[in-house]
Amino acid sequence: MPNWSQTLPDPAQHKGYDLVRTPPDRPLRAVITCEQMAICFTHFWGGRTRPCEKPECEACNAMSPTRAHCYVSAYDPGTKDHFLFECTAAAAFPFRDWIATYGTLRGCMFHASRPKRRRNSKVEILTKPCDLTKIVLPNPPDVPLAMTVIWQIPGTAIKPHGAIDGTAAIAPSRDIIDHMRLNPADLAHSGSCAKGNGSP
């Protein structure tokens, strides 16, 4: 029998997160809610971005190049959306510099844009402090775990693996993935300051 209610569910109980990249035609402005970056080496393989699976990686065996991607959780004060933001490690240097200055990314407002206004063109990121007396930031998700949902791999398949600039990287466990994972998914999708370039 259906259960009816006269009130809408609490948005804070929404457990899923969209993966957002910098749009080609407009800037993306948001405030970071996590404290550190999550870095993962990836391949563009099978028409989508997927995590590198070393030491036994189908994409590596096919000589597909890898590159590091940076993932953070971010909040848009205008739309109230809480999402995961992806950029290349090359574009994420302003985040690294911010951590070096303030010790945490939480509360960092950023402006990401593509000056050439083309999809997959280089991204420029500007950062500045956010007035947290006017914004209540939501609690951050476990970013690596949230990415396993987007990539459709089991959460037990992640483990710390190496580091980039002192930031923990995440690599899937091949043994578990061989038995459990599904086909990975890729969701394409909106001054201080240091600048960083990279794509997508």
C-alpha atoms as a PDB file:
ATOM      1  CA  MET A   1       0.000   0.000   0.000  1.00  0.00           C
ATOM      2  CA  PRO A   2       1.502   3.421  -0.909  1.00  0.00           C
ATOM      3  CA  ASN A   3       2.578   5.810   1.843  1.00  0.00           C
ATOM      4  CA  TRP A   4       1.380   9.378   1.229  1.00  0.00           C
ATOM      5  CA  SER A   5       2.550  12.630   2.782  1.00  0.00           C
ATOM      6  CA  GLN A   6       1.615  16.301   2.583  1.00  0.00           C
ATOM      7  CA  THR A   7       5.234  17.500   2.881  1.00  0.00           C
ATOM      8  CA  LEU A   8       8.090  17.287   0.432  1.00  0.00           C
ATOM      9  CA  PRO A   9      11.151  15.237   1.392  1.00  0.00           C
ATOM     10  CA  ASP A  10      14.113  17.014   2.940  1.00  0.00           C
ATOM     11  CA  PRO A  11      16.591  17.850   0.125  1.00  0.00           C
ATOM     12  CA  ALA A  12      19.423  17.277   2.594  1.00  0.00           C
ATOM     13  CA  GLN A  13      18.576  13.588   2.520  1.00  0.00           C
ATOM     14  CA  HIS A  14      19.371  13.359  -1.191  1.00  0.00           C
ATOM     15  CA  LYS A  15      22.374  11.037  -1.336  1.00  0.00           C
ATOM     16  CA  GLY A  16      23.288  11.245  -5.009  1.00  0.00           C
ATOM     17  CA  TYR A  17      25.669  13.810  -6.478  1.00  0.00           C
ATOM     18  CA  ASP A  18      25.970  15.014 -10.051  1.00  0.00           C
ATOM     19  CA  LEU A  19      29.384  15.230 -11.660  1.00  0.00           C
ATOM     20  CA  VAL A  20      29.864  18.717 -13.101  1.00  0.00           C
ATOM     21  CA  ARG A  21      32.540  19.971 -15.469  1.00  0.00           C
ATOM     22  CA  THR A  22      33.147  23.531 -16.574  1.00  0.00           C
ATOM     23  CA  PRO A  23      30.585  24.412 -19.268  1.00  0.00           C
ATOM     24  CA  PRO A  24      31.920  25.833 -22.550  1.00  0.00           C
ATOM     25  CA  ASP A  25      29.476  28.723 -22.794  1.00  0.00           C
ATOM     26  CA  ARG A  26      29.294  30.160 -19.281  1.00  0.00           C
ATOM     27  CA  PRO A  27      31.369  30.312 -16.103  1.00  0.00           C
ATOM     28  CA  LEU A  28      30.762  28.038 -13.146  1.00  0.00           C
ATOM     29  CA  ARG A  29      30.766  29.678  -9.708  1.00  0.00           C
ATOM     30  CA  ALA A  30      30.581  27.641  -6.527  1.00  0.00           C
ATOM     31  CA  VAL A  31      31.998  27.203  -3.023  1.00  0.00           C
ATOM     32  CA  ILE A  32      34.029  24.122  -2.135  1.00  0.00           C
ATOM     33  CA  THR A  33      32.611  22.101   0.764  1.00  0.00           C
ATOM     34  CA  CYS A  34      35.355  19.464   1.224  1.00  0.00           C
ATOM     35  CA  GLU A  35      38.686  20.091   2.902  1.00  0.00           C
ATOM     36  CA  GLN A  36      41.052  18.449   0.414  1.00  0.00           C
ATOM     37  CA  MET A  37      41.236  17.455  -3.236  1.00  0.00           C
ATOM     38  CA  ALA A  38      40.728  13.840  -4.298  1.00  0.00           C
ATOM     39  CA  ILE A  39      43.064  12.964  -7.191  1.00  0.00           C
ATOM     40  CA  CYS A  40      42.698   9.975  -9.489  1.00  0.00           C
ATOM     41  CA  PHE A  41      44.574   8.960 -12.640  1.00  0.00           C
ATOM     42  CA  THR A  42      42.096   8.309 -15.436  1.00  0.00           C
ATOM     43  CA  HIS A  43      41.830   7.228 -19.054  1.00  0.00           C
ATOM     44  CA  PHE A  44      39.466   8.410 -21.729  1.00  0.00           C
ATOM     45  CA  TRP A  45      38.549   4.897 -22.802  1.00  0.00           C
ATOM     46  CA  GLY A  46      35.461   3.446 -24.411  1.00  0.00           C
ATOM     47  CA  GLY A  47      34.045   6.900 -25.006  1.00  0.00           C
ATOM     48  CA  ARG A  48      34.178   7.973 -21.373  1.00  0.00           C
ATOM     49  CA  THR A  49      36.471   8.921 -18.524  1.00  0.00           C
ATOM     50  CA  ARG A  50      37.272   5.947 -16.324  1.00  0.00           C
ATOM     51  CA  PRO A  51      39.759   5.312 -13.502  1.00  0.00           C
ATOM     52  CA  CYS A  52      43.102   3.707 -14.232  1.00  0.00           C
ATOM     53  CA  GLU A  53      43.193   0.135 -12.931  1.00  0.00           C
ATOM     54  CA  LYS A  54      46.910  -0.527 -12.622  1.00  0.00           C
ATOM     55  CA  PRO A  55      48.640  -2.908 -12.360  1.00  0.00           C
ATOM     56  CA  GLU A  56      46.259  -4.755 -14.692  1.00  0.00           C
ATOM     57  CA  CYS A  57      44.491  -2.110 -16.733  1.00  0.00           C
ATOM     58  CA  GLU A  58      42.849  -2.740 -20.084  1.00  0.00           C
ATOM     59  CA  ALA A  59      43.298   0.886 -21.142  1.00  0.00           C
ATOM     60  CA  CYS A  60      46.977   0.876 -20.112  1.00  0.00           C
ATOM     61  CA  ASN A  61      47.535  -2.334 -22.054  1.00  0.00           C
ATOM     62  CA  ALA A  62      46.111  -0.607 -25.123  1.00  0.00           C
ATOM     63  CA  MET A  63      48.591   2.276 -24.607  1.00  0.00           C
ATOM     64  CA  SER A  64      45.831   4.731 -23.748  1.00  0.00           C
ATOM     65  CA  PRO A  65      47.421   7.767 -22.059  1.00  0.00           C
ATOM     66  CA  THR A  66      46.568   8.630 -18.477  1.00  0.00           C
ATOM     67  CA  ARG A  67      46.162  11.962 -16.812  1.00  0.00           C
ATOM     68  CA  ALA A  68      45.291  13.033 -13.309  1.00  0.00           C
ATOM     69  CA  HIS A  69      41.901  14.481 -12.539  1.00  0.00           C
ATOM     70  CA  CYS A  70      40.949  16.482  -9.468  1.00  0.00           C
ATOM     71  CA  TYR A  71      37.594  16.044  -7.731  1.00  0.00           C
ATOM     72  CA  VAL A  72      36.054  18.274  -5.072  1.00  0.00           C
ATOM     73  CA  SER A  73      32.559  18.720  -3.670  1.00  0.00           C
ATOM     74  CA  ALA A  74      31.046  22.146  -4.297  1.00  0.00           C
ATOM     75  CA  TYR A  75      27.932  24.121  -3.468  1.00  0.00           C
ATOM     76  CA  ASP A  76      26.153  26.682  -5.648  1.00  0.00           C
ATOM     77  CA  PRO A  77      24.594  29.254  -3.271  1.00  0.00           C
ATOM     78  CA  GLY A  78      22.203  30.411  -5.999  1.00  0.00           C
ATOM     79  CA  THR A  79      20.674  27.079  -6.978  1.00  0.00           C
ATOM     80  CA  LYS A  80      21.469  25.290  -3.680  1.00  0.00           C
ATOM     81  CA  ASP A  81      22.951  22.426  -5.701  1.00  0.00           C
ATOM     82  CA  HIS A  82      25.623  20.334  -3.984  1.00  0.00           C
ATOM     83  CA  PHE A  83      27.697  18.478  -6.574  1.00  0.00           C
ATOM     84  CA  LEU A  84      31.070  17.014  -7.488  1.00  0.00           C
ATOM     85  CA  PHE A  85      33.345  19.185  -9.614  1.00  0.00           C
ATOM     86  CA  GLU A  86      35.916  17.640 -11.955  1.00  0.00           C
ATOM     87  CA  CYS A  87      38.914  19.283 -13.583  1.00  0.00           C
ATOM     88  CA  THR A  88      42.351  18.196 -14.705  1.00  0.00           C
ATOM     89  CA  ALA A  89      45.287  18.383 -12.321  1.00  0.00           C
ATOM     90  CA  ALA A  90      46.730  21.130 -14.531  1.00  0.00           C
ATOM     91  CA  ALA A  91      43.646  23.271 -13.946  1.00  0.00           C
ATOM     92  CA  ALA A  92      43.617  22.536 -10.212  1.00  0.00           C
ATOM     93  CA  PHE A  93      46.842  24.326  -9.249  1.00  0.00           C
ATOM     94  CA  PRO A  94      44.861  27.239  -7.750  1.00  0.00           C
ATOM     95  CA  PHE A  95      43.310  24.728  -5.339  1.00  0.00           C
ATOM     96  CA  ARG A  96      46.757  23.458  -4.369  1.00  0.00           C
ATOM     97  CA  ASP A  97      47.924  27.018  -3.751  1.00  0.00           C
ATOM     98  CA  TRP A  98      44.819  27.723  -1.687  1.00  0.00           C
ATOM     99  CA  ILE A  99      45.477  24.710   0.543  1.00  0.00           C
ATOM    100  CA  ALA A 100      49.086  25.849   0.991  1.00  0.00           C
ATOM    101  CA  THR A 101      47.820  29.244   2.190  1.00  0.00           C
ATOM    102  CA  TYR A 102      44.737  28.336   4.237  1.00  0.00           C
ATOM    103  CA  GLY A 103      45.169  24.645   5.043  1.00  0.00           C
ATOM    104  CA  THR A 104      41.720  23.656   3.754  1.00  0.00           C
ATOM    105  CA  LEU A 105      39.597  24.081   0.636  1.00  0.00           C
ATOM    106  CA  ARG A 106      36.329  24.353   2.548  1.00  0.00           C
ATOM    107  CA  GLY A 107      34.916  27.835   2.036  1.00  0.00           C
ATOM    108  CA  CYS A 108      36.979  28.531  -1.086  1.00  0.00           C
ATOM    109  CA  MET A 109      34.851  30.215  -3.729  1.00  0.00           C
ATOM    110  CA  PHE A 110      35.957  29.481  -7.277  1.00  0.00           C
ATOM    111  CA  HIS A 111      35.137  30.706 -10.764  1.00  0.00           C
ATOM    112  CA  ALA A 112      35.839  28.181 -13.535  1.00  0.00           C
ATOM    113  CA  SER A 113      35.583  29.097 -17.205  1.00  0.00           C
ATOM    114  CA  ARG A 114      36.787  28.096 -20.660  1.00  0.00           C
ATOM    115  CA  PRO A 115      38.196  31.250 -22.314  1.00  0.00           C
ATOM    116  CA  LYS A 116      37.964  29.682 -25.787  1.00  0.00           C
ATOM    117  CA  ARG A 117      34.311  28.783 -25.116  1.00  0.00           C
ATOM    118  CA  ARG A 118      34.731  25.305 -26.581  1.00  0.00           C
ATOM    119  CA  ARG A 119      34.009  21.978 -24.956  1.00  0.00           C
ATOM    120  CA  ASN A 120      37.201  20.272 -23.740  1.00  0.00           C
ATOM    121  CA  SER A 121      39.214  23.468 -24.175  1.00  0.00           C
ATOM    122  CA  LYS A 122      41.483  24.639 -21.367  1.00  0.00           C
ATOM    123  CA  VAL A 123      39.914  25.611 -18.069  1.00  0.00           C
ATOM    124  CA  GLU A 124      40.870  28.680 -16.051  1.00  0.00           C
ATOM    125  CA  ILE A 125      40.102  28.689 -12.340  1.00  0.00           C
ATOM    126  CA  LEU A 126      40.093  31.785 -10.119  1.00  0.00           C
ATOM    127  CA  THR A 127      39.712  31.526  -6.340  1.00  0.00           C
ATOM    128  CA  LYS A 128      38.719  33.965  -3.624  1.00  0.00           C
ATOM    129  CA  PRO A 129      37.511  33.836  -0.012  1.00  0.00           C
ATOM    130  CA  CYS A 130      33.818  33.381   0.640  1.00  0.00           C
ATOM    131  CA  ASP A 131      31.836  35.234   3.304  1.00  0.00           C
ATOM    132  CA  LEU A 132      30.668  32.243   5.306  1.00  0.00           C
ATOM    133  CA  THR A 133      28.528  34.459   7.548  1.00  0.00           C
ATOM    134  CA  LYS A 134      26.075  34.653   4.641  1.00  0.00           C
ATOM    135  CA  ILE A 135      26.200  31.018   3.469  1.00  0.00           C
ATOM    136  CA  VAL A 136      25.574  27.814   5.384  1.00  0.00           C
ATOM    137  CA  LEU A 137      27.666  25.166   3.669  1.00  0.00           C
ATOM    138  CA  PRO A 138      26.370  21.582   3.676  1.00  0.00           C
ATOM    139  CA  ASN A 139      28.533  18.809   5.033  1.00  0.00           C
ATOM    140  CA  PRO A 140      30.784  17.358   2.330  1.00  0.00           C
ATOM    141  CA  PRO A 141      30.314  13.853   0.945  1.00  0.00           C
ATOM    142  CA  ASP A 142      33.037  11.237   0.853  1.00  0.00           C
ATOM    143  CA  VAL A 143      34.270  12.348  -2.573  1.00  0.00           C
ATOM    144  CA  PRO A 144      36.092   9.124  -3.599  1.00  0.00           C
ATOM    145  CA  LEU A 145      33.130   7.044  -2.490  1.00  0.00           C
ATOM    146  CA  ALA A 146      30.707   9.293  -4.383  1.00  0.00           C
ATOM    147  CA  MET A 147      32.854   8.882  -7.507  1.00  0.00           C
ATOM    148  CA  THR A 148      32.599   5.096  -7.252  1.00  0.00           C
ATOM    149  CA  VAL A 149      28.832   5.522  -7.607  1.00  0.00           C
ATOM    150  CA  ILE A 150      29.266   7.674 -10.722  1.00  0.00           C
ATOM    151  CA  TRP A 151      31.838   5.266 -12.181  1.00  0.00           C
ATOM    152  CA  GLN A 152      29.600   2.352 -11.140  1.00  0.00           C
ATOM    153  CA  ILE A 153      32.276   0.440  -9.269  1.00  0.00           C
ATOM    154  CA  PRO A 154      31.819  -0.995  -5.756  1.00  0.00           C
ATOM    155  CA  GLY A 155      32.812   1.275  -2.890  1.00  0.00           C
ATOM    156  CA  THR A 156      34.973  -1.490  -1.443  1.00  0.00           C
ATOM    157  CA  ALA A 157      37.120  -1.280  -4.571  1.00  0.00           C
ATOM    158  CA  ILE A 158      38.878   1.953  -3.605  1.00  0.00           C
ATOM    159  CA  LYS A 159      42.008   2.308  -1.552  1.00  0.00           C
ATOM    160  CA  PRO A 160      44.658   5.018  -1.042  1.00  0.00           C
ATOM    161  CA  HIS A 161      47.236   4.684  -3.785  1.00  0.00           C
ATOM    162  CA  GLY A 162      50.153   7.083  -4.131  1.00  0.00           C
ATOM    163  CA  ALA A 163      49.907  10.845  -3.989  1.00  0.00           C
ATOM    164  CA  ILE A 164      50.161  13.976  -6.068  1.00  0.00           C
ATOM    165  CA  ASP A 165      51.576  16.975  -4.223  1.00  0.00           C
ATOM    166  CA  GLY A 166      50.753  15.279  -0.939  1.00  0.00           C
ATOM    167  CA  THR A 167      47.102  14.717  -1.839  1.00  0.00           C
ATOM    168  CA  ALA A 168      45.852  11.147  -1.592  1.00  0.00           C
ATOM    169  CA  ALA A 169      45.045   9.538  -4.914  1.00  0.00           C
ATOM    170  CA  ILE A 170      42.398   6.857  -5.329  1.00  0.00           C
ATOM    171  CA  ALA A 171      42.812   3.685  -7.351  1.00  0.00           C
ATOM    172  CA  PRO A 172      40.324   0.836  -7.800  1.00  0.00           C
ATOM    173  CA  SER A 173      41.195  -2.647  -6.575  1.00  0.00           C
ATOM    174  CA  ARG A 174      41.394  -4.828  -9.685  1.00  0.00           C
ATOM    175  CA  ASP A 175      40.507  -8.070  -7.862  1.00  0.00           C
ATOM    176  CA  ILE A 176      37.184  -6.711  -6.650  1.00  0.00           C
ATOM    177  CA  ILE A 177      36.346  -4.929  -9.894  1.00  0.00           C
ATOM    178  CA  ASP A 178      36.852  -8.112 -11.917  1.00  0.00           C
ATOM    179  CA  HIS A 179      34.017  -9.728  -9.982  1.00  0.00           C
ATOM    180  CA  MET A 180      31.685  -6.880  -9.170  1.00  0.00           C
ATOM    181  CA  ARG A 181      31.801  -3.800 -11.319  1.00  0.00           C
ATOM    182  CA  LEU A 182      29.376  -2.760 -14.031  1.00  0.00           C
ATOM    183  CA  ASN A 183      30.204  -0.712 -17.103  1.00  0.00           C
ATOM    184  CA  PRO A 184      31.492   2.644 -15.855  1.00  0.00           C
ATOM    185  CA  ALA A 185      29.383   5.737 -16.421  1.00  0.00           C
ATOM    186  CA  ASP A 186      30.510   9.223 -17.309  1.00  0.00           C
ATOM    187  CA  LEU A 187      28.194  12.176 -16.702  1.00  0.00           C
ATOM    188  CA  ALA A 188      28.930  15.225 -18.826  1.00  0.00           C
ATOM    189  CA  HIS A 189      27.351  18.425 -17.836  1.00  0.00           C
ATOM    190  CA  SER A 190      28.239  25.672 -14.684  1.00  0.00           C
ATOM    191  CA  GLY A 191      38.938  37.379  -7.737  1.00  0.00           C
ATOM    192  CA  SER A 192      43.017  36.733  -5.672  1.00  0.00           C
ATOM    193  CA  CYS A 193      43.799  34.580  -7.481  1.00  0.00           C
ATOM    194  CA  ALA A 194      45.906  31.997  -9.032  1.00  0.00           C
ATOM    195  CA  LYS A 195      45.087  30.630 -12.461  1.00  0.00           C
ATOM    196  CA  GLY A 196      45.351  27.099 -13.783  1.00  0.00           C
ATOM    197  CA  ASN A 197      44.793  25.664 -17.231  1.00  0.00           C
ATOM    198  CA  GLY A 198      43.765  22.206 -18.301  1.00  0.00           C
ATOM    199  CA  SER A 199      41.012  20.280 -20.017  1.00  0.00           C
ATOM    200  CA  PRO A 200      38.380  19.087 -19.796  1.00  0.00           C
END
